[in-house]
mmCIF file of all heavy atoms, coordinates in Angstrom:
data_MODEL
# 
_entry.id   MODEL 
# 
loop_
_atom_site.group_PDB 
_atom_site.id 
_atom_site.type_symbol 
_atom_site.label_atom_id 
_atom_site.label_alt_id 
_atom_site.label_comp_id 
_atom_site.label_asym_id 
_atom_site.label_entity_id 
_atom_site.label_seq_id 
_atom_site.pdbx_PDB_ins_code 
_atom_site.Cartn_x 
_atom_site.Cartn_y 
_atom_site.Cartn_z 
_atom_site.occupancy 
_atom_site.B_iso_or_equiv 
_atom_site.pdbx_formal_charge 
_atom_site.auth_seq_id 
_atom_site.auth_comp_id 
_atom_site.auth_asym_id 
_atom_site.auth_atom_id 
_atom_site.pdbx_PDB_model_num 
ATOM 1   N N   . CYS A 1 1  ? 88.934  -44.441 64.684 1.00 0.00 ? 1  CYS A N   1 
ATOM 2   C CA  . CYS A 1 1  ? 89.917  -44.654 65.734 1.00 0.00 ? 1  CYS A CA  1 
ATOM 3   C C   . CYS A 1 1  ? 90.803  -43.427 65.794 1.00 0.00 ? 1  CYS A C   1 
ATOM 4   O O   . CYS A 1 1  ? 90.804  -42.600 64.901 1.00 0.00 ? 1  CYS A O   1 
ATOM 5   C CB  . CYS A 1 1  ? 90.743  -45.928 65.491 1.00 0.00 ? 1  CYS A CB  1 
ATOM 6   S SG  . CYS A 1 1  ? 91.547  -46.008 63.904 1.00 0.00 ? 1  CYS A SG  1 
ATOM 7   N N   . LEU A 1 2  ? 91.564  -43.288 66.865 1.00 0.00 ? 2  LEU A N   1 
ATOM 8   C CA  . LEU A 1 2  ? 92.329  -42.081 67.091 1.00 0.00 ? 2  LEU A CA  1 
ATOM 9   C C   . LEU A 1 2  ? 93.807  -42.335 66.859 1.00 0.00 ? 2  LEU A C   1 
ATOM 10  O O   . LEU A 1 2  ? 94.383  -43.252 67.428 1.00 0.00 ? 2  LEU A O   1 
ATOM 11  C CB  . LEU A 1 2  ? 92.115  -41.581 68.529 1.00 0.00 ? 2  LEU A CB  1 
ATOM 12  C CG  . LEU A 1 2  ? 90.677  -41.191 68.885 1.00 0.00 ? 2  LEU A CG  1 
ATOM 13  C CD1 . LEU A 1 2  ? 90.598  -40.843 70.365 1.00 0.00 ? 2  LEU A CD1 1 
ATOM 14  C CD2 . LEU A 1 2  ? 90.205  -40.015 68.036 1.00 0.00 ? 2  LEU A CD2 1 
ATOM 15  N N   . VAL A 1 3  ? 94.430  -41.512 66.011 1.00 0.00 ? 3  VAL A N   1 
ATOM 16  C CA  . VAL A 1 3  ? 95.857  -41.642 65.772 1.00 0.00 ? 3  VAL A CA  1 
ATOM 17  C C   . VAL A 1 3  ? 96.619  -41.049 66.953 1.00 0.00 ? 3  VAL A C   1 
ATOM 18  O O   . VAL A 1 3  ? 96.151  -40.124 67.606 1.00 0.00 ? 3  VAL A O   1 
ATOM 19  C CB  . VAL A 1 3  ? 96.257  -40.924 64.461 1.00 0.00 ? 3  VAL A CB  1 
ATOM 20  C CG1 . VAL A 1 3  ? 96.220  -39.419 64.636 1.00 0.00 ? 3  VAL A CG1 1 
ATOM 21  C CG2 . VAL A 1 3  ? 97.635  -41.360 63.996 1.00 0.00 ? 3  VAL A CG2 1 
ATOM 22  N N   . ASN A 1 4  ? 97.769  -41.632 67.241 1.00 0.00 ? 4  ASN A N   1 
ATOM 23  C CA  . ASN A 1 4  ? 98.646  -41.109 68.281 1.00 0.00 ? 4  ASN A CA  1 
ATOM 24  C C   . ASN A 1 4  ? 99.291  -39.829 67.759 1.00 0.00 ? 4  ASN A C   1 
ATOM 25  O O   . ASN A 1 4  ? 100.049 -39.860 66.794 1.00 0.00 ? 4  ASN A O   1 
ATOM 26  C CB  . ASN A 1 4  ? 99.723  -42.161 68.599 1.00 0.00 ? 4  ASN A CB  1 
ATOM 27  C CG  . ASN A 1 4  ? 100.753 -41.650 69.576 1.00 0.00 ? 4  ASN A CG  1 
ATOM 28  O OD1 . ASN A 1 4  ? 100.646 -40.552 70.095 1.00 0.00 ? 4  ASN A OD1 1 
ATOM 29  N ND2 . ASN A 1 4  ? 101.764 -42.468 69.809 1.00 0.00 ? 4  ASN A ND2 1 
ATOM 30  N N   . SER A 1 5  ? 98.997  -38.706 68.391 1.00 0.00 ? 5  SER A N   1 
ATOM 31  C CA  . SER A 1 5  ? 99.502  -37.428 67.899 1.00 0.00 ? 5  SER A CA  1 
ATOM 32  C C   . SER A 1 5  ? 101.019 -37.332 67.971 1.00 0.00 ? 5  SER A C   1 
ATOM 33  O O   . SER A 1 5  ? 101.614 -36.428 67.397 1.00 0.00 ? 5  SER A O   1 
ATOM 34  C CB  . SER A 1 5  ? 98.885  -36.277 68.697 1.00 0.00 ? 5  SER A CB  1 
ATOM 35  O OG  . SER A 1 5  ? 99.243  -36.379 70.065 1.00 0.00 ? 5  SER A OG  1 
ATOM 36  N N   . MET A 1 6  ? 101.659 -38.273 68.685 1.00 0.00 ? 6  MET A N   1 
ATOM 37  C CA  . MET A 1 6  ? 103.110 -38.253 68.797 1.00 0.00 ? 6  MET A CA  1 
ATOM 38  C C   . MET A 1 6  ? 103.778 -38.975 67.629 1.00 0.00 ? 6  MET A C   1 
ATOM 39  O O   . MET A 1 6  ? 105.002 -38.982 67.547 1.00 0.00 ? 6  MET A O   1 
ATOM 40  C CB  . MET A 1 6  ? 103.539 -38.894 70.115 1.00 0.00 ? 6  MET A CB  1 
ATOM 41  C CG  . MET A 1 6  ? 103.077 -38.136 71.348 1.00 0.00 ? 6  MET A CG  1 
ATOM 42  S SD  . MET A 1 6  ? 103.667 -36.425 71.370 1.00 0.00 ? 6  MET A SD  1 
ATOM 43  C CE  . MET A 1 6  ? 105.419 -36.720 71.589 1.00 0.00 ? 6  MET A CE  1 
ATOM 44  N N   . ASN A 1 7  ? 103.012 -39.608 66.750 1.00 0.00 ? 7  ASN A N   1 
ATOM 45  C CA  . ASN A 1 7  ? 103.614 -40.302 65.612 1.00 0.00 ? 7  ASN A CA  1 
ATOM 46  C C   . ASN A 1 7  ? 104.464 -39.322 64.812 1.00 0.00 ? 7  ASN A C   1 
ATOM 47  O O   . ASN A 1 7  ? 103.963 -38.324 64.292 1.00 0.00 ? 7  ASN A O   1 
ATOM 48  C CB  . ASN A 1 7  ? 102.535 -40.914 64.711 1.00 0.00 ? 7  ASN A CB  1 
ATOM 49  C CG  . ASN A 1 7  ? 101.893 -42.138 65.330 1.00 0.00 ? 7  ASN A CG  1 
ATOM 50  O OD1 . ASN A 1 7  ? 100.696 -42.173 65.526 1.00 0.00 ? 7  ASN A OD1 1 
ATOM 51  N ND2 . ASN A 1 7  ? 102.693 -43.141 65.644 1.00 0.00 ? 7  ASN A ND2 1 
ATOM 52  N N   . LYS A 1 8  ? 105.729 -39.619 64.719 1.00 0.00 ? 8  LYS A N   1 
ATOM 53  C CA  . LYS A 1 8  ? 106.652 -38.690 64.073 1.00 0.00 ? 8  LYS A CA  1 
ATOM 54  C C   . LYS A 1 8  ? 107.256 -39.251 62.798 1.00 0.00 ? 8  LYS A C   1 
ATOM 55  O O   . LYS A 1 8  ? 107.651 -38.507 61.913 1.00 0.00 ? 8  LYS A O   1 
ATOM 56  C CB  . LYS A 1 8  ? 107.768 -38.303 65.045 1.00 0.00 ? 8  LYS A CB  1 
ATOM 57  C CG  . LYS A 1 8  ? 108.680 -37.211 64.517 1.00 0.00 ? 8  LYS A CG  1 
ATOM 58  C CD  . LYS A 1 8  ? 109.666 -36.752 65.561 1.00 0.00 ? 8  LYS A CD  1 
ATOM 59  C CE  . LYS A 1 8  ? 110.526 -35.606 65.016 1.00 0.00 ? 8  LYS A CE  1 
ATOM 60  N NZ  . LYS A 1 8  ? 111.503 -35.117 66.021 1.00 0.00 ? 8  LYS A NZ  1 
ATOM 61  N N   . TYR A 1 9  ? 107.322 -40.576 62.692 1.00 0.00 ? 9  TYR A N   1 
ATOM 62  C CA  . TYR A 1 9  ? 107.996 -41.204 61.559 1.00 0.00 ? 9  TYR A CA  1 
ATOM 63  C C   . TYR A 1 9  ? 106.945 -41.704 60.585 1.00 0.00 ? 9  TYR A C   1 
ATOM 64  O O   . TYR A 1 9  ? 106.115 -42.551 60.930 1.00 0.00 ? 9  TYR A O   1 
ATOM 65  C CB  . TYR A 1 9  ? 108.910 -42.327 62.044 1.00 0.00 ? 9  TYR A CB  1 
ATOM 66  C CG  . TYR A 1 9  ? 109.729 -41.893 63.237 1.00 0.00 ? 9  TYR A CG  1 
ATOM 67  C CD1 . TYR A 1 9  ? 109.547 -42.479 64.485 1.00 0.00 ? 9  TYR A CD1 1 
ATOM 68  C CD2 . TYR A 1 9  ? 110.646 -40.860 63.120 1.00 0.00 ? 9  TYR A CD2 1 
ATOM 69  C CE1 . TYR A 1 9  ? 110.267 -42.058 65.588 1.00 0.00 ? 9  TYR A CE1 1 
ATOM 70  C CE2 . TYR A 1 9  ? 111.374 -40.422 64.220 1.00 0.00 ? 9  TYR A CE2 1 
ATOM 71  C CZ  . TYR A 1 9  ? 111.177 -41.023 65.448 1.00 0.00 ? 9  TYR A CZ  1 
ATOM 72  O OH  . TYR A 1 9  ? 111.875 -40.583 66.539 1.00 0.00 ? 9  TYR A OH  1 
ATOM 73  N N   . ILE A 1 10 ? 106.971 -41.171 59.377 1.00 0.00 ? 10 ILE A N   1 
ATOM 74  C CA  . ILE A 1 10 ? 105.949 -41.484 58.386 1.00 0.00 ? 10 ILE A CA  1 
ATOM 75  C C   . ILE A 1 10 ? 106.605 -42.258 57.247 1.00 0.00 ? 10 ILE A C   1 
ATOM 76  O O   . ILE A 1 10 ? 107.471 -41.737 56.543 1.00 0.00 ? 10 ILE A O   1 
ATOM 77  C CB  . ILE A 1 10 ? 105.293 -40.195 57.832 1.00 0.00 ? 10 ILE A CB  1 
ATOM 78  C CG1 . ILE A 1 10 ? 104.900 -39.245 58.975 1.00 0.00 ? 10 ILE A CG1 1 
ATOM 79  C CG2 . ILE A 1 10 ? 104.092 -40.558 56.971 1.00 0.00 ? 10 ILE A CG2 1 
ATOM 80  C CD1 . ILE A 1 10 ? 103.930 -39.837 59.976 1.00 0.00 ? 10 ILE A CD1 1 
ATOM 81  N N   . PHE A 1 11 ? 106.202 -43.528 57.098 1.00 0.00 ? 11 PHE A N   1 
ATOM 82  C CA  . PHE A 1 11 ? 106.701 -44.376 56.029 1.00 0.00 ? 11 PHE A CA  1 
ATOM 83  C C   . PHE A 1 11 ? 105.639 -44.437 54.938 1.00 0.00 ? 11 PHE A C   1 
ATOM 84  O O   . PHE A 1 11 ? 104.484 -44.782 55.216 1.00 0.00 ? 11 PHE A O   1 
ATOM 85  C CB  . PHE A 1 11 ? 106.990 -45.796 56.532 1.00 0.00 ? 11 PHE A CB  1 
ATOM 86  C CG  . PHE A 1 11 ? 108.064 -45.888 57.583 1.00 0.00 ? 11 PHE A CG  1 
ATOM 87  C CD1 . PHE A 1 11 ? 108.286 -47.093 58.244 1.00 0.00 ? 11 PHE A CD1 1 
ATOM 88  C CD2 . PHE A 1 11 ? 108.871 -44.796 57.919 1.00 0.00 ? 11 PHE A CD2 1 
ATOM 89  C CE1 . PHE A 1 11 ? 109.280 -47.212 59.214 1.00 0.00 ? 11 PHE A CE1 1 
ATOM 90  C CE2 . PHE A 1 11 ? 109.863 -44.897 58.890 1.00 0.00 ? 11 PHE A CE2 1 
ATOM 91  C CZ  . PHE A 1 11 ? 110.064 -46.113 59.534 1.00 0.00 ? 11 PHE A CZ  1 
ATOM 92  N N   . LEU A 1 12 ? 106.011 -44.102 53.714 1.00 0.00 ? 12 LEU A N   1 
ATOM 93  C CA  . LEU A 1 12 ? 105.055 -44.084 52.607 1.00 0.00 ? 12 LEU A CA  1 
ATOM 94  C C   . LEU A 1 12 ? 105.477 -45.030 51.502 1.00 0.00 ? 12 LEU A C   1 
ATOM 95  O O   . LEU A 1 12 ? 106.645 -45.030 51.062 1.00 0.00 ? 12 LEU A O   1 
ATOM 96  C CB  . LEU A 1 12 ? 104.938 -42.676 52.015 1.00 0.00 ? 12 LEU A CB  1 
ATOM 97  C CG  . LEU A 1 12 ? 104.448 -41.567 52.942 1.00 0.00 ? 12 LEU A CG  1 
ATOM 98  C CD1 . LEU A 1 12 ? 105.610 -40.642 53.306 1.00 0.00 ? 12 LEU A CD1 1 
ATOM 99  C CD2 . LEU A 1 12 ? 103.322 -40.778 52.320 1.00 0.00 ? 12 LEU A CD2 1 
ATOM 100 N N   . ASP A 1 13 ? 104.531 -45.837 51.052 1.00 0.00 ? 13 ASP A N   1 
ATOM 101 C CA  . ASP A 1 13 ? 104.731 -46.598 49.830 1.00 0.00 ? 13 ASP A CA  1 
ATOM 102 C C   . ASP A 1 13 ? 104.858 -45.604 48.679 1.00 0.00 ? 13 ASP A C   1 
ATOM 103 O O   . ASP A 1 13 ? 104.456 -44.433 48.804 1.00 0.00 ? 13 ASP A O   1 
ATOM 104 C CB  . ASP A 1 13 ? 103.531 -47.538 49.626 1.00 0.00 ? 13 ASP A CB  1 
ATOM 105 C CG  . ASP A 1 13 ? 103.687 -48.424 48.406 1.00 0.00 ? 13 ASP A CG  1 
ATOM 106 O OD1 . ASP A 1 13 ? 104.802 -48.937 48.183 1.00 0.00 ? 13 ASP A OD1 1 
ATOM 107 O OD2 . ASP A 1 13 ? 102.695 -48.603 47.677 1.00 0.00 ? 13 ASP A OD2 1 
ATOM 108 N N   . LEU A 1 14 ? 105.394 -46.043 47.558 1.00 0.00 ? 14 LEU A N   1 
ATOM 109 C CA  . LEU A 1 14 ? 105.596 -45.138 46.416 1.00 0.00 ? 14 LEU A CA  1 
ATOM 110 C C   . LEU A 1 14 ? 104.488 -45.289 45.370 1.00 0.00 ? 14 LEU A C   1 
ATOM 111 O O   . LEU A 1 14 ? 103.662 -44.397 45.187 1.00 0.00 ? 14 LEU A O   1 
ATOM 112 C CB  . LEU A 1 14 ? 106.965 -45.388 45.789 1.00 0.00 ? 14 LEU A CB  1 
ATOM 113 C CG  . LEU A 1 14 ? 107.354 -44.495 44.618 1.00 0.00 ? 14 LEU A CG  1 
ATOM 114 C CD1 . LEU A 1 14 ? 107.394 -43.025 45.035 1.00 0.00 ? 14 LEU A CD1 1 
ATOM 115 C CD2 . LEU A 1 14 ? 108.713 -44.920 44.044 1.00 0.00 ? 14 LEU A CD2 1 
ATOM 116 N N   . ASP A 1 15 ? 104.453 -46.446 44.715 1.00 0.00 ? 15 ASP A N   1 
ATOM 117 C CA  . ASP A 1 15 ? 103.464 -46.683 43.661 1.00 0.00 ? 15 ASP A CA  1 
ATOM 118 C C   . ASP A 1 15 ? 102.065 -46.770 44.254 1.00 0.00 ? 15 ASP A C   1 
ATOM 119 O O   . ASP A 1 15 ? 101.812 -47.576 45.152 1.00 0.00 ? 15 ASP A O   1 
ATOM 120 C CB  . ASP A 1 15 ? 103.770 -47.986 42.907 1.00 0.00 ? 15 ASP A CB  1 
ATOM 121 C CG  . ASP A 1 15 ? 105.127 -47.954 42.223 1.00 0.00 ? 15 ASP A CG  1 
ATOM 122 O OD1 . ASP A 1 15 ? 105.621 -46.851 41.952 1.00 0.00 ? 15 ASP A OD1 1 
ATOM 123 O OD2 . ASP A 1 15 ? 105.683 -49.038 41.964 1.00 0.00 ? 15 ASP A OD2 1 
ATOM 124 N N   . GLY A 1 16 ? 101.154 -45.944 43.756 1.00 0.00 ? 16 GLY A N   1 
ATOM 125 C CA  . GLY A 1 16 ? 99.779  -46.004 44.232 1.00 0.00 ? 16 GLY A CA  1 
ATOM 126 C C   . GLY A 1 16 ? 99.533  -45.232 45.516 1.00 0.00 ? 16 GLY A C   1 
ATOM 127 O O   . GLY A 1 16 ? 98.407  -45.188 46.000 1.00 0.00 ? 16 GLY A O   1 
ATOM 128 N N   . THR A 1 17 ? 100.580 -44.614 46.055 1.00 0.00 ? 17 THR A N   1 
ATOM 129 C CA  . THR A 1 17 ? 100.446 -43.810 47.269 1.00 0.00 ? 17 THR A CA  1 
ATOM 130 C C   . THR A 1 17 ? 100.966 -42.396 47.037 1.00 0.00 ? 17 THR A C   1 
ATOM 131 O O   . THR A 1 17 ? 100.312 -41.423 47.384 1.00 0.00 ? 17 THR A O   1 
ATOM 132 C CB  . THR A 1 17 ? 101.201 -44.460 48.438 1.00 0.00 ? 17 THR A CB  1 
ATOM 133 O OG1 . THR A 1 17 ? 100.678 -45.776 48.663 1.00 0.00 ? 17 THR A OG1 1 
ATOM 134 C CG2 . THR A 1 17 ? 101.051 -43.647 49.720 1.00 0.00 ? 17 THR A CG2 1 
ATOM 135 N N   . ILE A 1 18 ? 102.135 -42.302 46.415 1.00 0.00 ? 18 ILE A N   1 
ATOM 136 C CA  . ILE A 1 18 ? 102.687 -40.999 46.040 1.00 0.00 ? 18 ILE A CA  1 
ATOM 137 C C   . ILE A 1 18 ? 102.512 -40.767 44.541 1.00 0.00 ? 18 ILE A C   1 
ATOM 138 O O   . ILE A 1 18 ? 102.120 -39.675 44.118 1.00 0.00 ? 18 ILE A O   1 
ATOM 139 C CB  . ILE A 1 18 ? 104.172 -40.899 46.436 1.00 0.00 ? 18 ILE A CB  1 
ATOM 140 C CG1 . ILE A 1 18 ? 104.321 -40.979 47.961 1.00 0.00 ? 18 ILE A CG1 1 
ATOM 141 C CG2 . ILE A 1 18 ? 104.789 -39.607 45.903 1.00 0.00 ? 18 ILE A CG2 1 
ATOM 142 C CD1 . ILE A 1 18 ? 105.760 -40.964 48.446 1.00 0.00 ? 18 ILE A CD1 1 
ATOM 143 N N   . THR A 1 19 ? 102.793 -41.803 43.748 1.00 0.00 ? 19 THR A N   1 
ATOM 144 C CA  . THR A 1 19 ? 102.723 -41.656 42.285 1.00 0.00 ? 19 THR A CA  1 
ATOM 145 C C   . THR A 1 19 ? 101.653 -42.546 41.668 1.00 0.00 ? 19 THR A C   1 
ATOM 146 O O   . THR A 1 19 ? 101.394 -43.650 42.144 1.00 0.00 ? 19 THR A O   1 
ATOM 147 C CB  . THR A 1 19 ? 104.075 -42.004 41.631 1.00 0.00 ? 19 THR A CB  1 
ATOM 148 O OG1 . THR A 1 19 ? 104.368 -43.391 41.887 1.00 0.00 ? 19 THR A OG1 1 
ATOM 149 C CG2 . THR A 1 19 ? 105.189 -41.139 42.168 1.00 0.00 ? 19 THR A CG2 1 
ATOM 150 N N   . GLN A 1 20 ? 101.070 -42.046 40.593 1.00 0.00 ? 20 GLN A N   1 
ATOM 151 C CA  . GLN A 1 20 ? 100.162 -42.842 39.764 1.00 0.00 ? 20 GLN A CA  1 
ATOM 152 C C   . GLN A 1 20 ? 101.028 -43.608 38.767 1.00 0.00 ? 20 GLN A C   1 
ATOM 153 O O   . GLN A 1 20 ? 101.176 -43.215 37.616 1.00 0.00 ? 20 GLN A O   1 
ATOM 154 C CB  . GLN A 1 20 ? 99.178  -41.930 39.031 1.00 0.00 ? 20 GLN A CB  1 
ATOM 155 C CG  . GLN A 1 20 ? 98.317  -41.087 39.945 1.00 0.00 ? 20 GLN A CG  1 
ATOM 156 C CD  . GLN A 1 20 ? 97.404  -40.166 39.175 1.00 0.00 ? 20 GLN A CD  1 
ATOM 157 O OE1 . GLN A 1 20 ? 96.495  -40.617 38.460 1.00 0.00 ? 20 GLN A OE1 1 
ATOM 158 N NE2 . GLN A 1 20 ? 97.645  -38.865 39.298 1.00 0.00 ? 20 GLN A NE2 1 
ATOM 159 N N   . SER A 1 21 ? 101.558 -44.687 39.224 1.00 0.00 ? 21 SER A N   1 
ATOM 160 C CA  . SER A 1 21 ? 102.626 -45.384 38.503 1.00 0.00 ? 21 SER A CA  1 
ATOM 161 C C   . SER A 1 21 ? 102.132 -46.334 37.430 1.00 0.00 ? 21 SER A C   1 
ATOM 162 O O   . SER A 1 21 ? 102.933 -46.954 36.737 1.00 0.00 ? 21 SER A O   1 
ATOM 163 C CB  . SER A 1 21 ? 103.474 -46.161 39.507 1.00 0.00 ? 21 SER A CB  1 
ATOM 164 O OG  . SER A 1 21 ? 102.642 -47.027 40.271 1.00 0.00 ? 21 SER A OG  1 
ATOM 165 N N   . GLU A 1 22 ? 100.822 -46.472 37.289 1.00 0.00 ? 22 GLU A N   1 
ATOM 166 C CA  . GLU A 1 22 ? 100.284 -47.493 36.390 1.00 0.00 ? 22 GLU A CA  1 
ATOM 167 C C   . GLU A 1 22 ? 100.757 -47.341 34.955 1.00 0.00 ? 22 GLU A C   1 
ATOM 168 O O   . GLU A 1 22 ? 100.966 -48.340 34.251 1.00 0.00 ? 22 GLU A O   1 
ATOM 169 C CB  . GLU A 1 22 ? 98.759  -47.466 36.422 1.00 0.00 ? 22 GLU A CB  1 
ATOM 170 C CG  . GLU A 1 22 ? 98.149  -46.168 35.942 1.00 0.00 ? 22 GLU A CG  1 
ATOM 171 C CD  . GLU A 1 22 ? 96.653  -46.109 36.186 1.00 0.00 ? 22 GLU A CD  1 
ATOM 172 O OE1 . GLU A 1 22 ? 95.918  -46.698 35.379 1.00 0.00 ? 22 GLU A OE1 1 
ATOM 173 O OE2 . GLU A 1 22 ? 96.246  -45.471 37.159 1.00 0.00 ? 22 GLU A OE2 1 
ATOM 174 N N   . PHE A 1 23 ? 100.929 -46.124 34.489 1.00 0.00 ? 23 PHE A N   1 
ATOM 175 C CA  . PHE A 1 23 ? 101.232 -45.900 33.080 1.00 0.00 ? 23 PHE A CA  1 
ATOM 176 C C   . PHE A 1 23 ? 102.591 -46.484 32.699 1.00 0.00 ? 23 PHE A C   1 
ATOM 177 O O   . PHE A 1 23 ? 102.706 -47.264 31.752 1.00 0.00 ? 23 PHE A O   1 
ATOM 178 C CB  . PHE A 1 23 ? 101.172 -44.401 32.769 1.00 0.00 ? 23 PHE A CB  1 
ATOM 179 C CG  . PHE A 1 23 ? 99.910  -43.758 33.256 1.00 0.00 ? 23 PHE A CG  1 
ATOM 180 C CD1 . PHE A 1 23 ? 99.913  -42.923 34.368 1.00 0.00 ? 23 PHE A CD1 1 
ATOM 181 C CD2 . PHE A 1 23 ? 98.697  -44.018 32.629 1.00 0.00 ? 23 PHE A CD2 1 
ATOM 182 C CE1 . PHE A 1 23 ? 98.743  -42.341 34.832 1.00 0.00 ? 23 PHE A CE1 1 
ATOM 183 C CE2 . PHE A 1 23 ? 97.519  -43.435 33.090 1.00 0.00 ? 23 PHE A CE2 1 
ATOM 184 C CZ  . PHE A 1 23 ? 97.542  -42.605 34.194 1.00 0.00 ? 23 PHE A CZ  1 
ATOM 185 N N   . GLY A 1 24 ? 103.618 -46.124 33.446 1.00 0.00 ? 24 GLY A N   1 
ATOM 186 C CA  . GLY A 1 24 ? 104.944 -46.649 33.157 1.00 0.00 ? 24 GLY A CA  1 
ATOM 187 C C   . GLY A 1 24 ? 105.068 -48.128 33.465 1.00 0.00 ? 24 GLY A C   1 
ATOM 188 O O   . GLY A 1 24 ? 105.726 -48.874 32.731 1.00 0.00 ? 24 GLY A O   1 
# 
């Protein structure tokens, strides 16, 4: 599918998306 190129606001989860949080 095609993303809307105008998407400007990016919401990111933290654990498992930015950090490998499993250890702590």
